[in-house]
Amino acid sequence: MPSKKLKEHLDKFDVPYLTIKHSQAFSAQKVAAAAHVPGKNMIKTVMVMINGQMAMAVLPASYRVDFDMLKDVTGEGNVRLASETEFKDMFADCEPGAMPPFGNLYNLEVFVAKSVTENEEIAFNAGNFAEIIQMSYSDFYRLVHPKISKFAVH
């Protein structure tokens, strides 16, 4: 079952979405293959620390965060990958590492890679490693209000 917090949020705003069950997979690219979703539509959430504050970086599954670019985007000097021990307790309704890109539900700033905005539809972990949520990017943007910037490289 998807994250309760996420499901309630989507339902509250009458957002159309599809929950897709798939065989358990632990990388975003493998999830896309298991769920039969185009790889370009599959996005992943990378937890980052920006001057000691936890934040989400959301990017296509096949991309990686360029931390120098993210430093430029944020204007902050101390930007790094967060360790799982730093964020695992923040998402009580999710399996560690499977959190959806809705940082607003957890009081986190969300940065979205510009390349994600080119998709009409996006798909992402639903809070576990056996389900994804598929929905329109425009609804995601409307609900999350992320900062869009260029920080992801292929």
Protein backbone atom coordinates (compact mmCIF):
# COMPACT_ATOMS: atom_id res chain seq x y z
CA MET A 1 0.00 0.00 0.00
CA PRO A 2 1.31 3.49 -0.80
CA SER A 3 2.45 5.83 1.95
CA LYS A 4 -0.67 6.74 3.92
CA LYS A 5 0.37 10.38 4.12
CA LEU A 6 0.88 10.55 0.34
CA LYS A 7 -2.36 8.74 -0.51
CA GLU A 8 -4.39 11.00 1.80
CA HIS A 9 -2.76 14.09 0.29
CA LEU A 10 -3.46 13.05 -3.30
CA ASP A 11 -7.04 12.08 -2.46
CA LYS A 12 -7.65 15.33 -0.56
CA PHE A 13 -6.82 17.32 -3.70
CA ASP A 14 -8.69 14.93 -6.04
CA VAL A 15 -5.52 14.17 -7.98
CA PRO A 16 -5.90 11.35 -10.50
CA TYR A 17 -3.12 8.80 -10.05
CA LEU A 18 -2.42 5.17 -10.68
CA THR A 19 -0.84 2.78 -8.19
CA ILE A 20 1.21 0.12 -9.96
CA LYS A 21 2.41 -2.97 -8.12
CA HIS A 22 5.62 -4.59 -9.34
CA SER A 23 8.17 -7.15 -8.24
CA GLN A 24 10.39 -5.74 -5.53
CA ALA A 25 13.25 -3.62 -6.91
CA PHE A 26 15.70 -1.30 -5.19
CA SER A 27 16.99 1.05 -7.90
CA ALA A 28 14.79 3.50 -9.77
CA GLN A 29 15.82 2.10 -13.14
CA LYS A 30 15.00 -1.47 -12.06
CA VAL A 31 11.67 -0.26 -10.66
CA ALA A 32 10.83 1.31 -14.04
CA ALA A 33 11.58 -1.97 -15.80
CA ALA A 34 9.64 -4.07 -13.26
CA ALA A 35 6.61 -1.74 -13.45
CA HIS A 36 6.79 -1.42 -17.27
CA VAL A 37 7.05 2.37 -17.06
CA PRO A 38 9.17 4.30 -19.59
CA GLY A 39 12.53 5.04 -17.99
CA LYS A 40 12.28 8.75 -18.80
CA ASN A 41 9.10 8.99 -16.70
CA MET A 42 10.58 7.29 -13.63
CA ILE A 43 11.96 9.77 -11.13
CA LYS A 44 13.94 9.22 -7.96
CA THR A 45 14.30 11.09 -4.71
CA VAL A 46 17.83 11.74 -3.46
CA MET A 47 18.17 13.08 0.06
CA VAL A 48 20.71 15.86 0.41
CA MET A 49 22.02 18.06 3.20
CA ILE A 50 22.24 21.76 2.40
CA ASN A 51 24.11 23.64 5.13
CA GLY A 52 22.87 21.13 7.70
CA GLN A 53 19.25 21.15 6.48
CA MET A 54 17.70 18.04 4.92
CA ALA A 55 16.20 18.52 1.45
CA MET A 56 15.02 16.42 -1.51
CA ALA A 57 16.59 16.42 -4.95
CA VAL A 58 14.21 14.89 -7.51
CA LEU A 59 15.61 13.76 -10.83
CA PRO A 60 15.16 11.20 -13.63
CA ALA A 61 16.04 7.64 -12.63
CA SER A 62 18.98 7.44 -15.04
CA TYR A 63 20.55 10.73 -13.89
CA ARG A 64 22.76 11.60 -10.94
CA VAL A 65 23.06 14.71 -8.80
CA ASP A 66 25.94 16.99 -9.71
CA PHE A 67 26.72 18.45 -6.29
CA ASP A 68 28.74 21.35 -7.71
CA MET A 69 25.73 22.36 -9.80
CA LEU A 70 23.44 21.99 -6.77
CA LYS A 71 25.78 24.22 -4.76
CA ASP A 72 25.49 26.86 -7.49
CA VAL A 73 21.69 26.51 -7.57
CA THR A 74 21.31 26.86 -3.80
CA GLY A 75 24.05 29.42 -3.33
CA GLU A 76 25.23 27.37 -0.36
CA GLY A 77 28.74 26.06 0.15
CA ASN A 78 27.99 22.91 2.11
CA VAL A 79 25.90 20.55 -0.03
CA ARG A 80 26.28 16.79 0.22
CA LEU A 81 24.49 13.48 -0.05
CA ALA A 82 22.61 12.64 3.16
CA SER A 83 23.23 9.26 4.75
CA GLU A 84 20.32 6.92 5.32
CA THR A 85 20.85 7.11 9.08
CA GLU A 86 20.27 10.88 8.87
CA PHE A 87 16.83 10.57 7.25
CA LYS A 88 15.42 7.10 7.96
CA ASP A 89 13.33 8.29 10.92
CA MET A 90 11.82 11.23 9.00
CA PHE A 91 9.56 9.00 6.91
CA ALA A 92 7.73 6.77 9.38
CA ASP A 93 5.20 5.64 6.76
CA CYS A 94 7.87 4.66 4.20
CA GLU A 95 10.51 2.00 3.79
CA PRO A 96 13.99 3.59 4.11
CA GLY A 97 15.04 4.82 0.68
CA ALA A 98 11.57 4.49 -0.91
CA MET A 99 10.16 7.89 0.05
CA PRO A 100 8.05 9.70 -2.55
CA PRO A 101 9.19 13.11 -3.85
CA PHE A 102 6.64 15.03 -1.76
CA GLY A 103 9.00 16.81 0.62
CA ASN A 104 6.24 19.30 1.41
CA LEU A 105 4.52 16.54 3.42
CA TYR A 106 7.63 16.29 5.61
CA ASN A 107 8.51 20.01 5.81
CA LEU A 108 11.42 19.59 3.39
CA GLU A 109 12.51 21.81 0.54
CA VAL A 110 12.24 20.07 -2.84
CA PHE A 111 14.52 20.71 -5.81
CA VAL A 112 13.40 19.25 -9.14
CA ALA A 113 15.77 18.76 -12.06
CA LYS A 114 14.68 20.75 -15.09
CA SER A 115 14.67 17.55 -17.18
CA VAL A 116 11.80 16.15 -15.06
CA THR A 117 9.56 19.04 -16.15
CA GLU A 118 9.67 17.80 -19.76
CA ASN A 119 7.50 14.78 -18.85
CA GLU A 120 3.72 14.89 -18.96
CA GLU A 121 3.58 11.86 -16.68
CA ILE A 122 5.92 10.90 -13.86
CA ALA A 123 6.24 7.77 -11.74
CA PHE A 124 7.95 7.34 -8.38
CA ASN A 125 8.23 5.05 -5.36
CA ALA A 126 5.02 5.05 -3.37
CA GLY A 127 6.78 4.64 -0.02
CA ASN A 128 7.84 1.03 -0.55
CA PHE A 129 9.90 -1.00 -3.01
CA ALA A 130 6.98 -2.89 -4.58
CA GLU A 131 4.65 -0.07 -5.73
CA ILE A 132 4.89 3.14 -7.67
CA ILE A 133 2.53 6.04 -8.18
CA GLN A 134 2.03 7.37 -11.69
CA MET A 135 0.53 10.85 -12.11
CA SER A 136 0.83 14.01 -14.17
CA TYR A 137 3.84 16.23 -13.64
CA SER A 138 1.55 19.28 -13.60
CA ASP A 139 -0.38 17.90 -10.60
CA PHE A 140 2.90 17.11 -8.84
CA TYR A 141 4.11 20.66 -9.42
CA ARG A 142 0.81 22.13 -8.23
CA LEU A 143 0.96 20.18 -4.95
CA VAL A 144 4.68 20.38 -4.16
CA HIS A 145 5.80 23.78 -5.55
CA PRO A 146 9.39 22.59 -6.01
CA LYS A 147 12.34 24.74 -7.02
CA ILE A 148 13.17 23.83 -10.62
CA SER A 149 16.80 24.00 -11.61
CA LYS A 150 19.59 22.28 -13.47
CA PHE A 151 21.61 20.03 -11.16
CA ALA A 152 21.26 16.55 -12.69
CA VAL A 153 23.57 14.95 -15.23
CA HIS A 154 23.13 11.84 -17.33
